[in-house]
Amino acid sequence: MPLHFPAAPAPALRSVLTALGSPTAVQEARTPSLRSAQGPATPELPLPVHVLDRITPEGMSGTRLAGWRFLIRCGDRAVAAADTMLTPDGWAFSHFFEGPYISSTERALQQAEALQQAYQPRLLSLPGLYMLTLWLHGDRSADGTEGHPQDSDLLVPLAPAPPGIAAHRPHPVAELLPVLTHRITAAPLLITPA
């Protein structure tokens, strides 16, 4: 089923297009693949980036919108990504970057396209676990900037995932939440001297 990408704010997209058109911004970016790309670079697949700051034994806190991420495509593949952030003056370009999450995001989106149900894709960051997931929200018409994961939504951990959590395997939130809760709330291991 097709994914239903939420519409990114026009100023966020404009800020990325402006940065892509600026030789200074591209040359100063720490993205060798973007600097050496042949042909036009285009921002695609806008994803709202949500952050989940707390998971307690009682469940998740709400998420907060941290920005919008655009995959930057040159030719037939994504070579980098561009993040935007909300400032007091509105949406602004933040930075370009590359690394394993670019290809991992692309792969997870391709996997999601093959699912039987249509979803609204988002990114969900769990800083406490150093984990980023593709969040497939079941309500395709929802405002992509709000909400929190529902039990029936799917989370697809992106590679590299934390040890013991399989990357690129869709997990219903209700299935993955207990694992994440245990990871975050587990008491630190105390080692006593012999």
N, C-alpha and C. Protein backbone atom coordinates (compact mmCIF):
# COMPACT_ATOMS: atom_id res chain seq x y z
N MET A 1 0.85 -1.18 0.00
CA MET A 1 0.00 0.00 0.00
C MET A 1 0.89 1.24 0.00
N PRO A 2 0.44 2.29 -0.61
CA PRO A 2 1.27 3.49 -0.64
C PRO A 2 1.35 4.16 0.72
N LEU A 3 2.47 4.78 0.96
CA LEU A 3 2.62 5.59 2.16
C LEU A 3 2.03 6.96 1.89
N HIS A 4 1.47 7.57 2.92
CA HIS A 4 0.89 8.90 2.81
C HIS A 4 1.78 9.87 3.60
N PHE A 5 2.70 10.52 2.89
CA PHE A 5 3.63 11.43 3.55
C PHE A 5 2.90 12.70 3.96
N PRO A 6 3.09 13.13 5.21
CA PRO A 6 2.48 14.39 5.62
C PRO A 6 3.16 15.54 4.88
N ALA A 7 2.41 16.59 4.66
CA ALA A 7 2.97 17.75 3.95
C ALA A 7 3.90 18.51 4.89
N ALA A 8 5.12 18.72 4.43
CA ALA A 8 6.07 19.51 5.21
C ALA A 8 5.70 20.98 5.09
N PRO A 9 6.00 21.76 6.12
CA PRO A 9 5.75 23.20 6.01
C PRO A 9 6.54 23.78 4.83
N ALA A 10 5.90 24.62 4.05
CA ALA A 10 6.55 25.21 2.88
C ALA A 10 7.85 25.94 3.25
N PRO A 11 7.90 26.68 4.37
CA PRO A 11 9.16 27.34 4.72
C PRO A 11 10.30 26.34 5.02
N ALA A 12 9.97 25.18 5.54
CA ALA A 12 11.01 24.17 5.80
C ALA A 12 11.60 23.69 4.48
N LEU A 13 10.74 23.39 3.52
CA LEU A 13 11.22 22.95 2.21
C LEU A 13 12.02 24.05 1.52
N ARG A 14 11.51 25.28 1.58
CA ARG A 14 12.24 26.40 0.96
C ARG A 14 13.62 26.56 1.58
N SER A 15 13.73 26.38 2.89
CA SER A 15 15.04 26.55 3.54
C SER A 15 16.03 25.49 3.07
N VAL A 16 15.55 24.27 2.83
CA VAL A 16 16.43 23.21 2.32
C VAL A 16 16.81 23.50 0.87
N LEU A 17 15.86 23.93 0.06
CA LEU A 17 16.17 24.27 -1.34
C LEU A 17 17.19 25.41 -1.41
N THR A 18 17.05 26.39 -0.52
CA THR A 18 18.00 27.50 -0.47
C THR A 18 19.39 27.00 -0.09
N ALA A 19 19.46 26.12 0.91
CA ALA A 19 20.75 25.57 1.33
C ALA A 19 21.38 24.74 0.21
N LEU A 20 20.57 23.95 -0.50
CA LEU A 20 21.10 23.16 -1.62
C LEU A 20 21.62 24.06 -2.74
N GLY A 21 21.02 25.22 -2.90
CA GLY A 21 21.44 26.15 -3.93
C GLY A 21 22.61 27.03 -3.53
N SER A 22 23.04 26.91 -2.28
CA SER A 22 24.14 27.73 -1.79
C SER A 22 25.44 26.93 -1.85
N PRO A 23 26.37 27.30 -2.71
CA PRO A 23 27.65 26.58 -2.76
C PRO A 23 28.36 26.58 -1.41
N THR A 24 28.21 27.65 -0.64
CA THR A 24 28.85 27.72 0.67
C THR A 24 28.27 26.68 1.62
N ALA A 25 26.94 26.58 1.69
CA ALA A 25 26.31 25.62 2.59
C ALA A 25 26.67 24.20 2.22
N VAL A 26 26.69 23.89 0.92
CA VAL A 26 27.02 22.53 0.49
C VAL A 26 28.50 22.24 0.73
N GLN A 27 29.39 23.19 0.42
CA GLN A 27 30.83 22.95 0.60
C GLN A 27 31.21 22.84 2.07
N GLU A 28 30.51 23.57 2.95
CA GLU A 28 30.84 23.50 4.38
C GLU A 28 30.19 22.30 5.07
N ALA A 29 29.27 21.64 4.39
CA ALA A 29 28.61 20.47 4.98
C ALA A 29 29.62 19.33 5.12
N ARG A 30 29.48 18.59 6.16
CA ARG A 30 30.39 17.45 6.36
C ARG A 30 29.79 16.21 5.70
N THR A 31 29.46 16.36 4.45
CA THR A 31 28.86 15.27 3.68
C THR A 31 29.60 15.13 2.36
N PRO A 32 30.66 14.34 2.35
CA PRO A 32 31.44 14.19 1.11
C PRO A 32 30.58 13.74 -0.07
N SER A 33 29.61 12.87 0.17
CA SER A 33 28.80 12.37 -0.95
C SER A 33 27.95 13.49 -1.55
N LEU A 34 27.51 14.45 -0.76
CA LEU A 34 26.73 15.57 -1.29
C LEU A 34 27.65 16.53 -2.05
N ARG A 35 28.84 16.77 -1.52
CA ARG A 35 29.78 17.67 -2.21
C ARG A 35 30.23 17.11 -3.55
N SER A 36 30.34 15.78 -3.64
CA SER A 36 30.84 15.17 -4.88
C SER A 36 29.73 14.66 -5.80
N ALA A 37 28.48 14.91 -5.44
CA ALA A 37 27.36 14.40 -6.24
C ALA A 37 27.33 15.04 -7.61
N GLN A 38 27.04 14.21 -8.60
CA GLN A 38 26.91 14.68 -9.98
C GLN A 38 25.42 14.87 -10.27
N GLY A 39 25.08 15.98 -10.84
CA GLY A 39 23.68 16.22 -11.20
C GLY A 39 22.95 16.95 -10.09
N PRO A 40 21.69 17.24 -10.34
CA PRO A 40 20.91 18.00 -9.36
C PRO A 40 20.60 17.18 -8.10
N ALA A 41 20.61 17.86 -6.98
CA ALA A 41 20.24 17.26 -5.70
C ALA A 41 18.85 17.77 -5.34
N THR A 42 17.94 16.86 -5.04
CA THR A 42 16.57 17.25 -4.74
C THR A 42 16.13 16.70 -3.39
N PRO A 43 15.46 17.53 -2.59
CA PRO A 43 14.92 17.04 -1.32
C PRO A 43 13.62 16.28 -1.57
N GLU A 44 13.53 15.09 -0.98
CA GLU A 44 12.36 14.24 -1.16
C GLU A 44 11.96 13.61 0.17
N LEU A 45 10.81 12.99 0.16
CA LEU A 45 10.30 12.19 1.28
C LEU A 45 10.39 12.92 2.61
N PRO A 46 9.62 14.00 2.77
CA PRO A 46 9.67 14.75 4.02
C PRO A 46 9.11 13.91 5.18
N LEU A 47 9.86 13.86 6.25
CA LEU A 47 9.44 13.10 7.43
C LEU A 47 9.51 13.99 8.67
N PRO A 48 8.40 14.12 9.40
CA PRO A 48 8.48 14.83 10.67
C PRO A 48 9.29 13.99 11.65
N VAL A 49 10.19 14.64 12.38
CA VAL A 49 11.03 13.95 13.35
C VAL A 49 10.47 14.23 14.74
N HIS A 50 9.98 13.18 15.38
CA HIS A 50 9.45 13.28 16.73
C HIS A 50 10.46 12.70 17.71
N VAL A 51 10.49 13.25 18.91
CA VAL A 51 11.38 12.76 19.95
C VAL A 51 10.52 12.27 21.11
N LEU A 52 10.86 11.08 21.58
CA LEU A 52 10.20 10.50 22.75
C LEU A 52 11.20 10.58 23.89
N ASP A 53 10.99 11.55 24.77
CA ASP A 53 11.96 11.79 25.84
C ASP A 53 11.87 10.82 27.00
N ARG A 54 10.67 10.31 27.28
CA ARG A 54 10.54 9.46 28.47
C ARG A 54 9.67 8.25 28.20
N ILE A 55 10.15 7.12 28.70
CA ILE A 55 9.34 5.91 28.79
C ILE A 55 9.42 5.47 30.25
N THR A 56 8.28 5.31 30.86
CA THR A 56 8.23 4.88 32.26
C THR A 56 7.53 3.53 32.31
N PRO A 57 7.56 2.85 33.45
CA PRO A 57 6.83 1.59 33.55
C PRO A 57 5.34 1.74 33.22
N GLU A 58 4.81 2.95 33.37
CA GLU A 58 3.40 3.19 33.07
C GLU A 58 3.16 3.44 31.59
N GLY A 59 4.20 3.68 30.82
CA GLY A 59 4.03 3.91 29.39
C GLY A 59 4.87 5.06 28.89
N MET A 60 4.53 5.53 27.70
CA MET A 60 5.29 6.59 27.04
C MET A 60 4.77 7.96 27.40
N SER A 61 5.69 8.92 27.43
CA SER A 61 5.26 10.31 27.50
C SER A 61 4.84 10.71 26.09
N GLY A 62 4.31 11.89 25.95
CA GLY A 62 3.99 12.37 24.61
C GLY A 62 5.27 12.62 23.82
N THR A 63 5.14 12.73 22.54
CA THR A 63 6.29 13.05 21.72
C THR A 63 6.29 14.55 21.45
N ARG A 64 7.45 15.04 21.05
CA ARG A 64 7.53 16.44 20.65
C ARG A 64 8.16 16.49 19.26
N LEU A 65 7.66 17.39 18.45
CA LEU A 65 8.19 17.57 17.11
C LEU A 65 9.52 18.30 17.20
N ALA A 66 10.59 17.68 16.67
CA ALA A 66 11.92 18.28 16.72
C ALA A 66 12.29 18.94 15.40
N GLY A 67 11.65 18.55 14.32
CA GLY A 67 11.97 19.13 13.03
C GLY A 67 11.43 18.29 11.89
N TRP A 68 11.88 18.61 10.70
CA TRP A 68 11.54 17.85 9.49
C TRP A 68 12.82 17.40 8.84
N ARG A 69 12.82 16.18 8.33
CA ARG A 69 13.98 15.63 7.64
C ARG A 69 13.59 15.33 6.20
N PHE A 70 14.47 15.72 5.30
CA PHE A 70 14.30 15.46 3.87
C PHE A 70 15.48 14.61 3.41
N LEU A 71 15.21 13.52 2.70
CA LEU A 71 16.29 12.77 2.07
C LEU A 71 16.69 13.53 0.82
N ILE A 72 17.99 13.67 0.60
CA ILE A 72 18.51 14.39 -0.56
C ILE A 72 18.92 13.37 -1.61
N ARG A 73 18.23 13.40 -2.73
CA ARG A 73 18.45 12.41 -3.78
C ARG A 73 19.26 13.03 -4.91
N CYS A 74 20.24 12.25 -5.36
CA CYS A 74 21.01 12.56 -6.55
C CYS A 74 20.95 11.31 -7.41
N GLY A 75 20.35 11.42 -8.56
CA GLY A 75 20.20 10.25 -9.42
C GLY A 75 19.21 9.27 -8.81
N ASP A 76 19.65 8.03 -8.65
CA ASP A 76 18.73 6.98 -8.20
C ASP A 76 18.84 6.65 -6.71
N ARG A 77 19.57 7.46 -5.93
CA ARG A 77 19.70 7.13 -4.51
C ARG A 77 19.82 8.38 -3.66
N ALA A 78 19.50 8.20 -2.39
CA ALA A 78 19.68 9.28 -1.42
C ALA A 78 21.14 9.31 -1.01
N VAL A 79 21.76 10.48 -1.08
CA VAL A 79 23.17 10.62 -0.73
C VAL A 79 23.38 11.34 0.59
N ALA A 80 22.34 11.99 1.08
CA ALA A 80 22.45 12.75 2.33
C ALA A 80 21.04 13.03 2.83
N ALA A 81 20.96 13.75 3.92
CA ALA A 81 19.68 14.22 4.44
C ALA A 81 19.86 15.65 4.90
N ALA A 82 18.75 16.36 4.97
CA ALA A 82 18.75 17.74 5.46
C ALA A 82 17.71 17.82 6.57
N ASP A 83 18.12 18.38 7.69
CA ASP A 83 17.20 18.60 8.80
C ASP A 83 16.86 20.08 8.88
N THR A 84 15.61 20.33 9.27
CA THR A 84 15.16 21.69 9.53
C THR A 84 14.71 21.76 10.98
N MET A 85 14.63 22.97 11.50
CA MET A 85 14.20 23.15 12.88
C MET A 85 13.30 24.38 12.97
N LEU A 86 12.48 24.40 13.99
CA LEU A 86 11.60 25.53 14.21
C LEU A 86 12.32 26.56 15.06
N THR A 87 12.38 27.78 14.57
CA THR A 87 13.02 28.88 15.30
C THR A 87 11.95 29.92 15.63
N PRO A 88 12.27 30.91 16.43
CA PRO A 88 11.27 31.96 16.69
C PRO A 88 10.79 32.66 15.41
N ASP A 89 11.60 32.61 14.34
CA ASP A 89 11.21 33.23 13.08
C ASP A 89 10.56 32.26 12.10
N GLY A 90 10.36 31.01 12.52
CA GLY A 90 9.75 30.02 11.64
C GLY A 90 10.72 28.89 11.34
N TRP A 91 10.39 28.10 10.32
CA TRP A 91 11.22 26.95 9.97
C TRP A 91 12.49 27.41 9.28
N ALA A 92 13.61 26.78 9.68
CA ALA A 92 14.91 27.13 9.11
C ALA A 92 15.73 25.87 8.87
N PHE A 93 16.59 25.94 7.88
CA PHE A 93 17.54 24.86 7.61
C PHE A 93 18.45 24.70 8.82
N SER A 94 18.71 23.44 9.20
CA SER A 94 19.60 23.17 10.32
C SER A 94 20.95 22.66 9.82
N HIS A 95 20.96 21.51 9.14
CA HIS A 95 22.23 20.95 8.67
C HIS A 95 21.99 19.81 7.68
N PHE A 96 23.04 19.52 6.90
CA PHE A 96 23.09 18.33 6.06
C PHE A 96 23.86 17.27 6.82
N PHE A 97 23.56 16.02 6.56
CA PHE A 97 24.37 14.94 7.14
C PHE A 97 24.24 13.70 6.29
N GLU A 98 25.13 12.76 6.53
CA GLU A 98 25.07 11.46 5.88
C GLU A 98 25.44 10.41 6.92
N GLY A 99 25.41 9.18 6.54
CA GLY A 99 25.73 8.09 7.47
C GLY A 99 24.74 6.95 7.29
N PRO A 100 24.80 5.98 8.20
CA PRO A 100 24.00 4.77 8.01
C PRO A 100 22.49 4.99 8.06
N TYR A 101 22.03 6.04 8.74
CA TYR A 101 20.59 6.24 8.82
C TYR A 101 19.97 6.64 7.49
N ILE A 102 20.77 7.14 6.54
CA ILE A 102 20.22 7.54 5.24
C ILE A 102 19.75 6.30 4.49
N SER A 103 20.65 5.36 4.27
CA SER A 103 20.26 4.14 3.53
C SER A 103 19.27 3.30 4.34
N SER A 104 19.40 3.33 5.66
CA SER A 104 18.49 2.57 6.51
C SER A 104 17.07 3.14 6.41
N THR A 105 16.94 4.45 6.38
CA THR A 105 15.62 5.08 6.23
C THR A 105 15.02 4.73 4.88
N GLU A 106 15.84 4.82 3.84
CA GLU A 106 15.37 4.49 2.50
C GLU A 106 14.89 3.04 2.44
N ARG A 107 15.66 2.14 3.03
CA ARG A 107 15.28 0.72 3.04
C ARG A 107 13.98 0.50 3.81
N ALA A 108 13.84 1.13 4.97
CA ALA A 108 12.63 0.96 5.78
C ALA A 108 11.40 1.50 5.05
N LEU A 109 11.56 2.61 4.33
CA LEU A 109 10.43 3.16 3.57
C LEU A 109 10.03 2.21 2.44
N GLN A 110 11.01 1.59 1.79
CA GLN A 110 10.70 0.61 0.74
C GLN A 110 9.96 -0.59 1.33
N GLN A 111 10.40 -1.05 2.50
CA GLN A 111 9.71 -2.16 3.17
C GLN A 111 8.27 -1.77 3.51
N ALA A 112 8.09 -0.55 4.00
CA ALA A 112 6.76 -0.10 4.40
C ALA A 112 5.81 -0.02 3.20
N GLU A 113 6.34 0.33 2.04
CA GLU A 113 5.51 0.38 0.83
C GLU A 113 4.92 -0.99 0.50
N ALA A 114 5.60 -2.05 0.91
CA ALA A 114 5.15 -3.41 0.58
C ALA A 114 4.14 -3.96 1.59
N LEU A 115 3.87 -3.25 2.67
CA LEU A 115 2.92 -3.73 3.68
C LEU A 115 1.49 -3.67 3.14
N GLN A 116 0.62 -4.47 3.73
CA GLN A 116 -0.77 -4.54 3.28
C GLN A 116 -1.59 -3.32 3.67
N GLN A 117 -1.19 -2.62 4.71
CA GLN A 117 -1.94 -1.46 5.19
C GLN A 117 -1.20 -0.18 4.83
N ALA A 118 -1.93 0.87 4.56
CA ALA A 118 -1.32 2.17 4.28
C ALA A 118 -1.03 2.88 5.60
N TYR A 119 0.10 3.57 5.66
CA TYR A 119 0.51 4.27 6.87
C TYR A 119 0.99 5.67 6.52
N GLN A 120 1.08 6.50 7.57
CA GLN A 120 1.72 7.80 7.47
C GLN A 120 3.10 7.66 8.10
N PRO A 121 4.18 7.83 7.32
CA PRO A 121 5.52 7.65 7.89
C PRO A 121 6.00 8.89 8.64
N ARG A 122 6.69 8.62 9.74
CA ARG A 122 7.31 9.64 10.56
C ARG A 122 8.60 9.03 11.10
N LEU A 123 9.44 9.83 11.67
CA LEU A 123 10.61 9.31 12.38
C LEU A 123 10.40 9.53 13.86
N LEU A 124 10.83 8.56 14.66
CA LEU A 124 10.72 8.66 16.11
C LEU A 124 12.10 8.39 16.70
N SER A 125 12.62 9.39 17.39
CA SER A 125 13.92 9.28 18.04
C SER A 125 13.72 8.96 19.52
N LEU A 126 14.48 7.98 20.00
CA LEU A 126 14.48 7.63 21.42
C LEU A 126 15.88 7.88 21.95
N PRO A 127 16.18 9.12 22.37
CA PRO A 127 17.54 9.46 22.77
C PRO A 127 18.08 8.60 23.91
N GLY A 128 17.21 8.17 24.81
CA GLY A 128 17.66 7.35 25.93
C GLY A 128 18.23 6.01 25.52
N LEU A 129 17.91 5.56 24.30
CA LEU A 129 18.42 4.29 23.79
C LEU A 129 19.33 4.49 22.58
N TYR A 130 19.60 5.74 22.22
CA TYR A 130 20.36 6.03 21.00
C TYR A 130 19.74 5.28 19.83
N MET A 131 18.43 5.45 19.68
CA MET A 131 17.67 4.66 18.71
C MET A 131 16.80 5.58 17.86
N LEU A 132 16.76 5.28 16.56
CA LEU A 132 15.89 5.98 15.63
C LEU A 132 15.02 4.95 14.93
N THR A 133 13.72 5.22 14.85
CA THR A 133 12.81 4.28 14.19
C THR A 133 11.99 5.01 13.14
N LEU A 134 11.57 4.24 12.14
CA LEU A 134 10.54 4.71 11.23
C LEU A 134 9.23 4.39 11.93
N TRP A 135 8.44 5.41 12.19
CA TRP A 135 7.16 5.26 12.89
C TRP A 135 6.08 5.27 11.82
N LEU A 136 5.39 4.16 11.69
CA LEU A 136 4.31 4.03 10.72
C LEU A 136 2.99 4.21 11.45
N HIS A 137 2.44 5.40 11.30
CA HIS A 137 1.22 5.78 12.02
C HIS A 137 0.00 5.32 11.21
N GLY A 138 -0.93 4.65 11.87
CA GLY A 138 -2.09 4.06 11.21
C GLY A 138 -3.10 5.06 10.69
N ASP A 139 -3.16 6.26 11.26
CA ASP A 139 -4.11 7.27 10.81
C ASP A 139 -3.43 8.12 9.74
N ARG A 140 -3.67 7.76 8.48
CA ARG A 140 -2.98 8.42 7.36
C ARG A 140 -3.33 9.89 7.22
N SER A 141 -4.48 10.31 7.74
CA SER A 141 -4.90 11.70 7.57
C SER A 141 -4.58 12.57 8.79
N ALA A 142 -3.90 11.99 9.78
CA ALA A 142 -3.58 12.74 11.00
C ALA A 142 -2.59 13.86 10.70
N ASP A 143 -2.57 14.84 11.57
CA ASP A 143 -1.57 15.91 11.50
C ASP A 143 -0.23 15.26 11.86
N GLY A 144 0.70 15.25 10.92
CA GLY A 144 1.98 14.58 11.13
C GLY A 144 2.85 15.22 12.18
N THR A 145 2.46 16.39 12.67
CA THR A 145 3.28 17.09 13.66
C THR A 145 2.84 16.80 15.09
N GLU A 146 1.76 16.05 15.27
CA GLU A 146 1.23 15.82 16.60
C GLU A 146 1.04 14.34 16.86
N GLY A 147 0.76 14.02 18.12
CA GLY A 147 0.38 12.67 18.48
C GLY A 147 1.50 11.88 19.13
N HIS A 148 1.14 10.68 19.49
CA HIS A 148 2.12 9.75 20.04
C HIS A 148 1.80 8.37 19.49
N PRO A 149 2.76 7.45 19.53
CA PRO A 149 2.52 6.13 18.94
C PRO A 149 1.34 5.41 19.60
N GLN A 150 0.47 4.88 18.75
CA GLN A 150 -0.67 4.09 19.20
C GLN A 150 -0.26 2.62 19.22
N ASP A 151 -0.94 1.80 20.01
CA ASP A 151 -0.58 0.39 20.11
C ASP A 151 -0.55 -0.32 18.77
N SER A 152 -1.42 0.10 17.84
CA SER A 152 -1.50 -0.56 16.54
C SER A 152 -0.52 0.00 15.51
N ASP A 153 0.17 1.10 15.83
CA ASP A 153 1.18 1.63 14.92
C ASP A 153 2.36 0.68 14.87
N LEU A 154 3.18 0.83 13.85
CA LEU A 154 4.39 0.01 13.72
C LEU A 154 5.62 0.89 13.91
N LEU A 155 6.63 0.32 14.55
CA LEU A 155 7.94 0.96 14.66
C LEU A 155 8.94 0.05 13.97
N VAL A 156 9.72 0.64 13.08
CA VAL A 156 10.75 -0.12 12.36
C VAL A 156 12.10 0.45 12.80
N PRO A 157 12.83 -0.23 13.70
CA PRO A 157 14.12 0.28 14.12
C PRO A 157 15.08 0.40 12.93
N LEU A 158 15.74 1.54 12.85
CA LEU A 158 16.70 1.76 11.79
C LEU A 158 18.07 1.27 12.23
N ALA A 159 18.87 0.85 11.27
CA ALA A 159 20.23 0.38 11.56
C ALA A 159 21.17 1.58 11.61
N PRO A 160 22.04 1.62 12.60
CA PRO A 160 22.27 0.61 13.63
C PRO A 160 21.27 0.73 14.77
N ALA A 161 20.71 -0.41 15.14
CA ALA A 161 19.76 -0.48 16.25
C ALA A 161 20.52 -0.91 17.51
N PRO A 162 19.97 -0.64 18.68
CA PRO A 162 20.62 -1.09 19.91
C PRO A 162 20.74 -2.61 19.93
N PRO A 163 21.75 -3.13 20.63
CA PRO A 163 21.90 -4.59 20.72
C PRO A 163 20.62 -5.26 21.19
N GLY A 164 20.28 -6.37 20.53
CA GLY A 164 19.11 -7.14 20.92
C GLY A 164 17.80 -6.67 20.28
N ILE A 165 17.85 -5.58 19.52
CA ILE A 165 16.65 -5.10 18.82
C ILE A 165 16.93 -5.20 17.33
N ALA A 166 16.12 -5.98 16.63
CA ALA A 166 16.35 -6.24 15.22
C ALA A 166 16.01 -5.01 14.37
N ALA A 167 16.98 -4.57 13.60
CA ALA A 167 16.73 -3.47 12.67
C ALA A 167 15.91 -3.98 11.50
N HIS A 168 15.12 -3.09 10.95
CA HIS A 168 14.31 -3.34 9.75
C HIS A 168 13.24 -4.41 9.95
N ARG A 169 12.86 -4.67 11.16
CA ARG A 169 11.75 -5.58 11.43
C ARG A 169 10.62 -4.75 12.01
N PRO A 170 9.47 -4.69 11.32
CA PRO A 170 8.35 -3.91 11.86
C PRO A 170 7.81 -4.55 13.14
N HIS A 171 7.70 -3.73 14.17
CA HIS A 171 7.17 -4.17 15.46
C HIS A 171 5.93 -3.35 15.79
N PRO A 172 4.82 -3.99 16.14
CA PRO A 172 3.71 -3.20 16.67
C PRO A 172 4.18 -2.50 17.95
N VAL A 173 3.72 -1.28 18.15
CA VAL A 173 4.12 -0.52 19.34
C VAL A 173 3.85 -1.32 20.60
N ALA A 174 2.68 -2.00 20.65
CA ALA A 174 2.32 -2.77 21.84
C ALA A 174 3.31 -3.90 22.12
N GLU A 175 3.99 -4.40 21.08
CA GLU A 175 4.97 -5.47 21.25
C GLU A 175 6.35 -4.92 21.64
N LEU A 176 6.74 -3.81 21.02
CA LEU A 176 8.08 -3.26 21.25
C LEU A 176 8.15 -2.43 22.52
N LEU A 177 7.05 -1.79 22.91
CA LEU A 177 7.06 -0.91 24.08
C LEU A 177 7.57 -1.61 25.35
N PRO A 178 7.11 -2.84 25.67
CA PRO A 178 7.64 -3.47 26.89
C PRO A 178 9.16 -3.68 26.84
N VAL A 179 9.70 -3.99 25.67
CA VAL A 179 11.15 -4.17 25.53
C VAL A 179 11.87 -2.85 25.77
N LEU A 180 11.35 -1.78 25.16
CA LEU A 180 11.96 -0.46 25.33
C LEU A 180 11.84 0.01 26.78
N THR A 181 10.68 -0.22 27.38
CA THR A 181 10.47 0.17 28.77
C THR A 181 11.47 -0.53 29.67
N HIS A 182 11.65 -1.83 29.46
CA HIS A 182 12.60 -2.58 30.28
C HIS A 182 14.02 -2.05 30.09
N ARG A 183 14.37 -1.74 28.85
CA ARG A 183 15.72 -1.24 28.58
C ARG A 183 15.98 0.09 29.29
N ILE A 184 14.99 0.98 29.22
CA ILE A 184 15.19 2.32 29.77
C ILE A 184 15.08 2.34 31.29
N THR A 185 14.17 1.56 31.84
CA THR A 185 13.92 1.64 33.28
C THR A 185 14.69 0.61 34.09
N ALA A 186 15.45 -0.26 33.42
CA ALA A 186 16.21 -1.28 34.16
C ALA A 186 17.21 -0.60 35.09
N ALA A 187 17.29 -1.11 36.30
CA ALA A 187 18.24 -0.58 37.27
C ALA A 187 19.66 -0.91 36.81
N PRO A 188 20.60 0.00 37.03
CA PRO A 188 21.96 -0.29 36.63
C PRO A 188 22.52 -1.48 37.41
N LEU A 189 23.33 -2.24 36.73
CA LEU A 189 23.94 -3.42 37.33
C LEU A 189 25.03 -2.97 38.31
N LEU A 190 24.92 -3.41 39.55
CA LEU A 190 25.94 -3.07 40.55
C LEU A 190 26.90 -4.24 40.68
N ILE A 191 28.16 -3.92 40.58
CA ILE A 191 29.18 -4.95 40.73
C ILE A 191 29.89 -4.69 42.05
N THR A 192 29.85 -5.68 42.91
CA THR A 192 30.52 -5.54 44.20
C THR A 192 31.87 -6.22 44.14
N PRO A 193 32.86 -5.60 44.75
CA PRO A 193 34.19 -6.21 44.74
C PRO A 193 34.19 -7.53 45.49
N ALA A 194 34.98 -8.47 45.03
CA ALA A 194 35.07 -9.79 45.67
C ALA A 194 35.93 -9.75 46.91
